[in-house]
């Protein structure tokens, strides 16, 4: 690994670990404080604890373990490897940060699946008849990073940033 590549690796690892630690901390707080009741600081924002046995937004939660488990366990590991390798190959600080956010989110949900058998979701957005499935900080980190990555692809300039 060259000197620049080491720098990108450190940035990736820093952001991945930061997201991972914040995700687990917020999930633990949600379990501690939301076990008995929900909390709604705004009409559209609700904190309610939900256990998700499926993949994104509960997809495949009712599928047999033979189908569900390999997908649930392999996907985050592949995400970690792919995002790390992409961040190193791309050679841009911004992409190392974004890929670290994806990797950290993948690690957070992977930890829940392996250690607990389900993912802890606790952020629920709704307004009137509109609603979004419950999610957590890992999901938010992954979605934000992918959205920014797509915006960079559409409007970003090439260079070291």
N, C-alpha and C. Protein backbone atom coordinates (compact mmCIF):
# COMPACT_ATOMS: atom_id res chain seq x y z
N UNK A 1 0.84 -1.19 0.00
CA UNK A 1 0.00 0.00 0.00
C UNK A 1 0.88 1.24 0.00
N UNK A 2 0.57 2.17 -0.88
CA UNK A 2 1.32 3.42 -0.92
C UNK A 2 0.89 4.36 0.19
N UNK A 3 1.64 5.44 0.34
CA UNK A 3 1.36 6.41 1.41
C UNK A 3 -0.04 7.00 1.28
N UNK A 4 -0.45 7.38 0.07
CA UNK A 4 -1.79 7.93 -0.12
C UNK A 4 -2.86 6.92 0.18
N UNK A 5 -2.63 5.66 -0.22
CA UNK A 5 -3.60 4.61 0.01
C UNK A 5 -3.77 4.36 1.51
N UNK A 6 -2.68 4.43 2.26
CA UNK A 6 -2.77 4.27 3.71
C UNK A 6 -3.65 5.36 4.33
N UNK A 7 -3.52 6.57 3.82
CA UNK A 7 -4.32 7.69 4.31
C UNK A 7 -5.81 7.43 4.05
N UNK A 8 -6.14 6.96 2.85
CA UNK A 8 -7.54 6.65 2.53
C UNK A 8 -8.06 5.52 3.39
N UNK A 9 -7.21 4.53 3.66
CA UNK A 9 -7.60 3.41 4.51
C UNK A 9 -7.90 3.91 5.92
N UNK A 10 -7.08 4.80 6.45
CA UNK A 10 -7.32 5.35 7.79
C UNK A 10 -8.61 6.16 7.85
N UNK A 11 -8.87 6.94 6.82
CA UNK A 11 -10.11 7.72 6.77
C UNK A 11 -11.30 6.77 6.72
N UNK A 12 -11.22 5.75 5.88
CA UNK A 12 -12.29 4.76 5.78
C UNK A 12 -12.54 4.12 7.14
N UNK A 13 -11.49 3.63 7.76
CA UNK A 13 -11.63 2.93 9.05
C UNK A 13 -12.17 3.87 10.12
N UNK A 14 -11.70 5.11 10.15
CA UNK A 14 -12.18 6.08 11.13
C UNK A 14 -13.69 6.28 11.00
N UNK A 15 -14.17 6.53 9.79
CA UNK A 15 -15.60 6.77 9.59
C UNK A 15 -16.42 5.51 9.79
N UNK A 16 -15.90 4.37 9.37
CA UNK A 16 -16.62 3.11 9.58
C UNK A 16 -16.77 2.82 11.08
N UNK A 17 -15.70 2.99 11.83
CA UNK A 17 -15.78 2.74 13.28
C UNK A 17 -16.65 3.77 13.99
N UNK A 18 -16.58 5.01 13.56
CA UNK A 18 -17.42 6.06 14.16
C UNK A 18 -18.90 5.74 13.96
N UNK A 19 -19.29 5.41 12.73
CA UNK A 19 -20.68 5.06 12.45
C UNK A 19 -21.08 3.82 13.23
N UNK A 20 -20.22 2.82 13.26
CA UNK A 20 -20.49 1.57 13.97
C UNK A 20 -20.75 1.83 15.46
N UNK A 21 -19.87 2.60 16.10
CA UNK A 21 -20.01 2.88 17.53
C UNK A 21 -21.25 3.72 17.81
N UNK A 22 -21.49 4.75 17.01
CA UNK A 22 -22.69 5.58 17.20
C UNK A 22 -23.96 4.77 16.98
N UNK A 23 -23.94 3.89 15.98
CA UNK A 23 -25.10 3.05 15.71
C UNK A 23 -25.41 2.14 16.89
N UNK A 24 -24.41 1.44 17.38
CA UNK A 24 -24.65 0.53 18.52
C UNK A 24 -25.06 1.30 19.77
N UNK A 25 -24.47 2.46 19.98
CA UNK A 25 -24.83 3.28 21.14
C UNK A 25 -26.29 3.72 21.06
N UNK A 26 -26.71 4.21 19.90
CA UNK A 26 -28.11 4.67 19.78
C UNK A 26 -29.09 3.50 19.86
N UNK A 27 -28.72 2.35 19.33
CA UNK A 27 -29.60 1.17 19.44
C UNK A 27 -29.73 0.73 20.89
N UNK A 28 -28.63 0.75 21.62
CA UNK A 28 -28.68 0.39 23.05
C UNK A 28 -29.53 1.39 23.83
N UNK A 29 -29.39 2.68 23.53
CA UNK A 29 -30.23 3.69 24.19
C UNK A 29 -31.70 3.50 23.84
N UNK A 30 -31.97 3.17 22.59
CA UNK A 30 -33.36 2.92 22.17
C UNK A 30 -33.94 1.75 22.94
N UNK A 31 -33.17 0.68 23.09
CA UNK A 31 -33.68 -0.46 23.86
C UNK A 31 -33.89 -0.11 25.32
N UNK A 32 -33.03 0.72 25.85
CA UNK A 32 -33.13 1.11 27.25
C UNK A 32 -34.34 2.01 27.52
N UNK A 33 -34.56 2.99 26.63
CA UNK A 33 -35.59 4.00 26.90
C UNK A 33 -36.90 3.79 26.14
N UNK A 34 -36.90 2.99 25.10
CA UNK A 34 -38.12 2.84 24.29
C UNK A 34 -38.77 1.48 24.46
N UNK A 35 -38.31 0.68 25.39
CA UNK A 35 -38.86 -0.66 25.60
C UNK A 35 -40.34 -0.59 25.99
N UNK A 36 -40.67 0.36 26.83
CA UNK A 36 -42.03 0.45 27.37
C UNK A 36 -42.92 1.47 26.66
N UNK A 37 -42.32 2.48 26.01
CA UNK A 37 -43.15 3.52 25.41
C UNK A 37 -42.47 4.15 24.22
N UNK A 38 -43.26 4.84 23.40
CA UNK A 38 -42.75 5.57 22.26
C UNK A 38 -42.55 7.03 22.65
N UNK A 39 -41.80 7.72 21.82
CA UNK A 39 -41.52 9.14 22.07
C UNK A 39 -41.63 9.87 20.74
N UNK A 40 -42.42 10.96 20.70
CA UNK A 40 -42.61 11.73 19.47
C UNK A 40 -42.34 13.21 19.73
N UNK A 41 -41.10 13.67 19.46
CA UNK A 41 -40.79 15.07 19.70
C UNK A 41 -41.43 16.02 18.68
N UNK A 42 -41.78 15.51 17.50
CA UNK A 42 -42.44 16.28 16.45
C UNK A 42 -43.55 15.42 15.86
N UNK A 43 -44.54 16.04 15.23
CA UNK A 43 -45.65 15.24 14.68
C UNK A 43 -45.22 14.21 13.63
N UNK A 44 -44.09 14.44 12.97
CA UNK A 44 -43.64 13.54 11.90
C UNK A 44 -42.52 12.59 12.33
N UNK A 45 -41.92 12.82 13.51
CA UNK A 45 -40.79 12.03 13.97
C UNK A 45 -41.17 11.25 15.22
N UNK A 46 -41.05 9.94 15.13
CA UNK A 46 -41.42 9.07 16.24
C UNK A 46 -40.24 8.15 16.55
N UNK A 47 -39.98 7.95 17.81
CA UNK A 47 -38.98 6.98 18.25
C UNK A 47 -39.74 5.81 18.85
N UNK A 48 -39.68 4.70 18.18
CA UNK A 48 -40.39 3.50 18.60
C UNK A 48 -39.53 2.29 18.28
N UNK A 49 -39.36 1.39 19.20
CA UNK A 49 -38.47 0.25 19.03
C UNK A 49 -39.15 -0.86 18.24
N UNK A 50 -38.50 -1.28 17.16
CA UNK A 50 -39.00 -2.34 16.28
C UNK A 50 -37.85 -3.31 16.03
N UNK A 51 -38.15 -4.59 16.08
CA UNK A 51 -37.14 -5.59 15.78
C UNK A 51 -37.38 -6.12 14.37
N UNK A 52 -36.37 -6.01 13.53
CA UNK A 52 -36.48 -6.36 12.12
C UNK A 52 -35.64 -7.61 11.84
N UNK A 53 -36.31 -8.69 11.45
CA UNK A 53 -35.61 -9.93 11.13
C UNK A 53 -35.26 -10.03 9.65
N UNK A 54 -35.72 -9.10 8.85
CA UNK A 54 -35.48 -9.16 7.41
C UNK A 54 -34.32 -8.29 6.97
N UNK A 55 -34.25 -8.07 5.67
CA UNK A 55 -33.26 -7.16 5.12
C UNK A 55 -33.89 -5.77 5.08
N UNK A 56 -33.49 -4.93 4.19
CA UNK A 56 -33.94 -3.54 4.16
C UNK A 56 -35.46 -3.42 4.31
N UNK A 57 -35.87 -2.65 5.30
CA UNK A 57 -37.28 -2.35 5.57
C UNK A 57 -38.14 -3.59 5.80
N UNK A 58 -37.54 -4.62 6.36
CA UNK A 58 -38.28 -5.83 6.71
C UNK A 58 -38.48 -6.80 5.56
N UNK A 59 -37.94 -6.51 4.39
CA UNK A 59 -38.08 -7.40 3.25
C UNK A 59 -37.53 -8.79 3.60
N UNK A 60 -38.22 -9.82 3.28
CA UNK A 60 -37.88 -11.23 3.54
C UNK A 60 -37.93 -11.61 5.02
N UNK A 61 -38.56 -10.81 5.85
CA UNK A 61 -38.60 -11.14 7.28
C UNK A 61 -39.37 -12.42 7.56
N UNK A 62 -40.29 -12.78 6.69
CA UNK A 62 -41.08 -14.00 6.87
C UNK A 62 -40.54 -15.17 6.07
N UNK A 63 -39.44 -14.95 5.33
CA UNK A 63 -38.86 -16.03 4.52
C UNK A 63 -38.22 -17.08 5.42
N UNK A 64 -38.12 -18.32 4.94
CA UNK A 64 -37.46 -19.36 5.74
C UNK A 64 -35.99 -19.01 5.96
N UNK A 65 -35.44 -19.47 7.09
CA UNK A 65 -34.05 -19.17 7.44
C UNK A 65 -33.07 -19.63 6.37
N UNK A 66 -33.39 -20.70 5.67
CA UNK A 66 -32.51 -21.22 4.62
C UNK A 66 -32.28 -20.18 3.53
N UNK A 67 -33.27 -19.36 3.26
CA UNK A 67 -33.15 -18.30 2.25
C UNK A 67 -32.65 -17.01 2.90
N UNK A 68 -33.19 -16.68 4.04
CA UNK A 68 -32.93 -15.40 4.69
C UNK A 68 -31.51 -15.28 5.26
N UNK A 69 -31.05 -16.28 5.99
CA UNK A 69 -29.78 -16.18 6.72
C UNK A 69 -28.55 -15.98 5.83
N UNK A 70 -28.37 -16.75 4.75
CA UNK A 70 -27.19 -16.49 3.92
C UNK A 70 -27.17 -15.06 3.37
N UNK A 71 -28.33 -14.57 2.96
CA UNK A 71 -28.42 -13.21 2.44
C UNK A 71 -28.10 -12.19 3.52
N UNK A 72 -28.64 -12.40 4.71
CA UNK A 72 -28.43 -11.45 5.81
C UNK A 72 -26.99 -11.44 6.30
N UNK A 73 -26.31 -12.55 6.22
CA UNK A 73 -24.94 -12.62 6.73
C UNK A 73 -23.89 -12.28 5.68
N UNK A 74 -24.13 -12.63 4.43
CA UNK A 74 -23.14 -12.37 3.39
C UNK A 74 -23.17 -10.93 2.87
N UNK A 75 -24.35 -10.34 2.80
CA UNK A 75 -24.47 -9.00 2.23
C UNK A 75 -23.62 -7.97 2.97
N UNK A 76 -23.66 -7.87 4.30
CA UNK A 76 -22.83 -6.88 4.98
C UNK A 76 -21.34 -7.13 4.81
N UNK A 77 -20.93 -8.39 4.79
CA UNK A 77 -19.51 -8.69 4.60
C UNK A 77 -19.05 -8.27 3.22
N UNK A 78 -19.87 -8.53 2.21
CA UNK A 78 -19.55 -8.08 0.86
C UNK A 78 -19.52 -6.56 0.78
N UNK A 79 -20.45 -5.92 1.47
CA UNK A 79 -20.48 -4.44 1.47
C UNK A 79 -19.19 -3.89 2.07
N UNK A 80 -18.71 -4.48 3.15
CA UNK A 80 -17.46 -4.03 3.76
C UNK A 80 -16.29 -4.17 2.80
N UNK A 81 -16.15 -5.32 2.20
CA UNK A 81 -15.03 -5.56 1.28
C UNK A 81 -15.11 -4.64 0.08
N UNK A 82 -16.28 -4.57 -0.54
CA UNK A 82 -16.43 -3.76 -1.75
C UNK A 82 -16.21 -2.28 -1.46
N UNK A 83 -16.80 -1.76 -0.39
CA UNK A 83 -16.63 -0.33 -0.10
C UNK A 83 -15.19 -0.01 0.24
N UNK A 84 -14.51 -0.88 0.98
CA UNK A 84 -13.11 -0.64 1.32
C UNK A 84 -12.25 -0.63 0.05
N UNK A 85 -12.41 -1.65 -0.78
CA UNK A 85 -11.61 -1.73 -2.01
C UNK A 85 -11.90 -0.55 -2.93
N UNK A 86 -13.17 -0.16 -3.03
CA UNK A 86 -13.52 0.97 -3.90
C UNK A 86 -12.90 2.27 -3.37
N UNK A 87 -12.96 2.46 -2.06
CA UNK A 87 -12.39 3.67 -1.46
C UNK A 87 -10.89 3.74 -1.71
N UNK A 88 -10.21 2.61 -1.67
CA UNK A 88 -8.77 2.59 -1.90
C UNK A 88 -8.45 2.84 -3.37
N UNK A 89 -9.21 2.23 -4.26
CA UNK A 89 -8.96 2.37 -5.69
C UNK A 89 -9.29 3.78 -6.19
N UNK A 90 -10.36 4.37 -5.68
CA UNK A 90 -10.81 5.67 -6.15
C UNK A 90 -9.81 6.77 -5.81
N UNK A 91 -9.13 6.65 -4.67
CA UNK A 91 -8.11 7.62 -4.31
C UNK A 91 -8.63 9.02 -4.06
N UNK A 92 -9.79 9.13 -3.44
CA UNK A 92 -10.37 10.43 -3.10
C UNK A 92 -10.81 10.42 -1.65
N UNK A 93 -10.52 11.49 -0.95
CA UNK A 93 -10.88 11.58 0.47
C UNK A 93 -12.39 11.48 0.66
N UNK A 94 -13.13 12.19 -0.18
CA UNK A 94 -14.59 12.20 -0.06
C UNK A 94 -15.15 10.78 -0.19
N UNK A 95 -14.64 10.03 -1.15
CA UNK A 95 -15.14 8.67 -1.34
C UNK A 95 -14.72 7.76 -0.20
N UNK A 96 -13.55 8.00 0.39
CA UNK A 96 -13.14 7.21 1.56
C UNK A 96 -14.11 7.45 2.72
N UNK A 97 -14.54 8.72 2.90
CA UNK A 97 -15.51 9.05 3.95
C UNK A 97 -16.85 8.37 3.66
N UNK A 98 -17.36 8.53 2.45
CA UNK A 98 -18.67 7.97 2.10
C UNK A 98 -18.68 6.45 2.17
N UNK A 99 -17.64 5.83 1.66
CA UNK A 99 -17.58 4.37 1.71
C UNK A 99 -17.40 3.89 3.16
N UNK A 100 -16.70 4.66 3.99
CA UNK A 100 -16.59 4.33 5.41
C UNK A 100 -17.94 4.39 6.10
N UNK A 101 -18.77 5.36 5.70
CA UNK A 101 -20.12 5.46 6.26
C UNK A 101 -20.95 4.23 5.89
N UNK A 102 -20.83 3.78 4.66
CA UNK A 102 -21.55 2.58 4.22
C UNK A 102 -21.02 1.35 4.98
N UNK A 103 -19.70 1.23 5.05
CA UNK A 103 -19.10 0.09 5.75
C UNK A 103 -19.47 0.05 7.22
N UNK A 104 -19.47 1.21 7.88
CA UNK A 104 -19.84 1.28 9.30
C UNK A 104 -21.30 0.91 9.52
N UNK A 105 -22.17 1.37 8.64
CA UNK A 105 -23.58 1.00 8.74
C UNK A 105 -23.79 -0.49 8.52
N UNK A 106 -23.07 -1.05 7.55
CA UNK A 106 -23.16 -2.49 7.30
C UNK A 106 -22.69 -3.27 8.52
N UNK A 107 -21.62 -2.80 9.16
CA UNK A 107 -21.11 -3.48 10.37
C UNK A 107 -22.12 -3.41 11.51
N UNK A 108 -22.77 -2.26 11.67
CA UNK A 108 -23.74 -2.10 12.75
C UNK A 108 -24.91 -3.05 12.63
N UNK A 109 -25.47 -3.15 11.45
CA UNK A 109 -26.60 -4.07 11.26
C UNK A 109 -26.15 -5.53 11.26
N UNK A 110 -24.94 -5.79 10.77
CA UNK A 110 -24.40 -7.15 10.80
C UNK A 110 -24.22 -7.61 12.25
N UNK A 111 -23.71 -6.72 13.09
CA UNK A 111 -23.54 -7.06 14.51
C UNK A 111 -24.88 -7.46 15.13
N UNK A 112 -25.91 -6.65 14.88
CA UNK A 112 -27.24 -6.96 15.43
C UNK A 112 -27.72 -8.33 14.96
N UNK A 113 -27.57 -8.61 13.67
CA UNK A 113 -28.07 -9.87 13.13
C UNK A 113 -27.36 -11.08 13.74
N UNK A 114 -26.03 -10.97 13.89
CA UNK A 114 -25.26 -12.09 14.42
C UNK A 114 -25.46 -12.23 15.93
N UNK A 115 -25.38 -11.11 16.65
CA UNK A 115 -25.45 -11.16 18.12
C UNK A 115 -26.87 -11.32 18.65
N UNK A 116 -27.85 -10.73 17.96
CA UNK A 116 -29.21 -10.70 18.49
C UNK A 116 -30.23 -11.46 17.65
N UNK A 117 -29.92 -11.74 16.40
CA UNK A 117 -30.86 -12.44 15.53
C UNK A 117 -31.84 -11.51 14.84
N UNK A 118 -31.72 -10.20 15.05
CA UNK A 118 -32.58 -9.20 14.43
C UNK A 118 -31.87 -7.85 14.50
N UNK A 119 -32.35 -6.91 13.71
CA UNK A 119 -31.81 -5.55 13.72
C UNK A 119 -32.77 -4.66 14.52
N UNK A 120 -32.21 -3.81 15.35
CA UNK A 120 -33.02 -2.89 16.16
C UNK A 120 -33.22 -1.59 15.38
N UNK A 121 -34.45 -1.31 15.01
CA UNK A 121 -34.82 -0.05 14.35
C UNK A 121 -35.63 0.76 15.34
N UNK A 122 -35.51 2.09 15.27
CA UNK A 122 -36.22 2.90 16.26
C UNK A 122 -36.61 4.29 15.77
N UNK A 123 -36.26 4.66 14.57
CA UNK A 123 -36.65 5.97 14.03
C UNK A 123 -37.77 5.72 13.03
N UNK A 124 -38.88 6.37 13.24
CA UNK A 124 -40.05 6.18 12.38
C UNK A 124 -40.55 7.55 11.94
N UNK A 125 -40.65 7.75 10.63
CA UNK A 125 -41.14 9.01 10.08
C UNK A 125 -42.52 8.80 9.49
N UNK A 126 -43.45 9.69 9.86
CA UNK A 126 -44.79 9.63 9.27
C UNK A 126 -45.43 11.01 9.37
N UNK A 127 -46.30 11.26 8.42
CA UNK A 127 -47.07 12.49 8.45
C UNK A 127 -48.39 12.21 7.76
N UNK A 128 -49.46 12.27 8.52
CA UNK A 128 -50.78 11.94 7.96
C UNK A 128 -50.78 10.49 7.50
N UNK A 129 -51.14 10.26 6.25
CA UNK A 129 -51.18 8.91 5.71
C UNK A 129 -49.85 8.47 5.12
N UNK A 130 -48.88 9.41 5.06
CA UNK A 130 -47.55 9.08 4.55
C UNK A 130 -46.67 8.53 5.67
N UNK A 131 -45.93 7.48 5.39
CA UNK A 131 -45.01 6.95 6.40
C UNK A 131 -43.83 6.26 5.73
N UNK A 132 -42.77 6.13 6.49
CA UNK A 132 -41.56 5.45 6.04
C UNK A 132 -41.27 4.35 7.05
N UNK A 133 -40.85 3.18 6.60
CA UNK A 133 -40.56 2.10 7.56
C UNK A 133 -39.51 2.53 8.59
N UNK A 134 -39.58 1.96 9.78
CA UNK A 134 -38.63 2.27 10.83
C UNK A 134 -37.21 1.94 10.38
N UNK A 135 -36.26 2.75 10.86
CA UNK A 135 -34.86 2.54 10.50
C UNK A 135 -33.98 2.93 11.68
N UNK A 136 -32.68 2.84 11.52
CA UNK A 136 -31.73 3.15 12.58
C UNK A 136 -30.61 4.01 12.02
N UNK A 137 -29.62 4.32 12.83
CA UNK A 137 -28.52 5.18 12.40
C UNK A 137 -27.68 4.52 11.30
N UNK A 138 -27.53 3.20 11.37
CA UNK A 138 -26.78 2.49 10.32
C UNK A 138 -27.47 2.67 8.97
N UNK A 139 -28.78 2.49 8.95
CA UNK A 139 -29.55 2.66 7.71
C UNK A 139 -29.44 4.09 7.20
N UNK A 140 -29.55 5.05 8.11
CA UNK A 140 -29.46 6.47 7.73
C UNK A 140 -28.07 6.78 7.18
N UNK A 141 -27.04 6.23 7.77
CA UNK A 141 -25.68 6.46 7.31
C UNK A 141 -25.47 5.88 5.91
N UNK A 142 -25.94 4.67 5.71
CA UNK A 142 -25.81 4.03 4.39
C UNK A 142 -26.57 4.83 3.33
N UNK A 143 -27.81 5.18 3.63
CA UNK A 143 -28.64 5.91 2.66
C UNK A 143 -28.07 7.29 2.35
N UNK A 144 -27.62 8.00 3.37
CA UNK A 144 -27.03 9.32 3.17
C UNK A 144 -25.77 9.23 2.32
N UNK A 145 -24.90 8.28 2.65
CA UNK A 145 -23.66 8.13 1.89
C UNK A 145 -23.92 7.78 0.43
N UNK A 146 -24.86 6.88 0.19
CA UNK A 146 -25.17 6.50 -1.19
C UNK A 146 -25.79 7.67 -1.94
N UNK A 147 -26.68 8.43 -1.29
CA UNK A 147 -27.25 9.62 -1.92
C UNK A 147 -26.18 10.64 -2.28
N UNK A 148 -25.27 10.91 -1.36
CA UNK A 148 -24.18 11.85 -1.64
C UNK A 148 -23.25 11.32 -2.72
N UNK A 149 -23.00 10.03 -2.71
CA UNK A 149 -22.18 9.40 -3.74
C UNK A 149 -22.81 9.60 -5.12
N UNK A 150 -24.12 9.39 -5.22
CA UNK A 150 -24.81 9.59 -6.50
C UNK A 150 -24.77 11.05 -6.92
N UNK A 151 -24.96 11.98 -5.97
CA UNK A 151 -24.87 13.40 -6.30
C UNK A 151 -23.48 13.78 -6.78
N UNK A 152 -22.47 13.23 -6.13
CA UNK A 152 -21.09 13.49 -6.56
C UNK A 152 -20.87 12.98 -7.98
N UNK A 153 -21.43 11.84 -8.29
CA UNK A 153 -21.30 11.28 -9.63
C UNK A 153 -21.98 12.15 -10.67
N UNK A 154 -23.08 12.77 -10.29
CA UNK A 154 -23.82 13.61 -11.24
C UNK A 154 -23.22 15.00 -11.36
N UNK A 155 -22.84 15.59 -10.22
CA UNK A 155 -22.44 16.99 -10.23
C UNK A 155 -21.01 17.25 -9.77
N UNK A 156 -20.31 16.23 -9.30
CA UNK A 156 -18.98 16.41 -8.75
C UNK A 156 -17.94 16.65 -9.81
N UNK A 157 -16.87 17.29 -9.38
CA UNK A 157 -15.73 17.53 -10.25
C UNK A 157 -14.71 16.42 -10.00
N UNK A 158 -13.95 16.09 -11.00
CA UNK A 158 -12.89 15.11 -10.77
C UNK A 158 -11.74 15.81 -10.07
N UNK A 159 -10.97 15.04 -9.33
CA UNK A 159 -9.86 15.59 -8.57
C UNK A 159 -9.63 14.76 -7.33
N UNK A 160 -8.84 15.28 -6.41
CA UNK A 160 -8.48 14.53 -5.20
C UNK A 160 -9.52 14.63 -4.10
N UNK A 161 -10.52 15.52 -4.19
CA UNK A 161 -11.50 15.74 -3.13
C UNK A 161 -12.42 14.63 -3.00
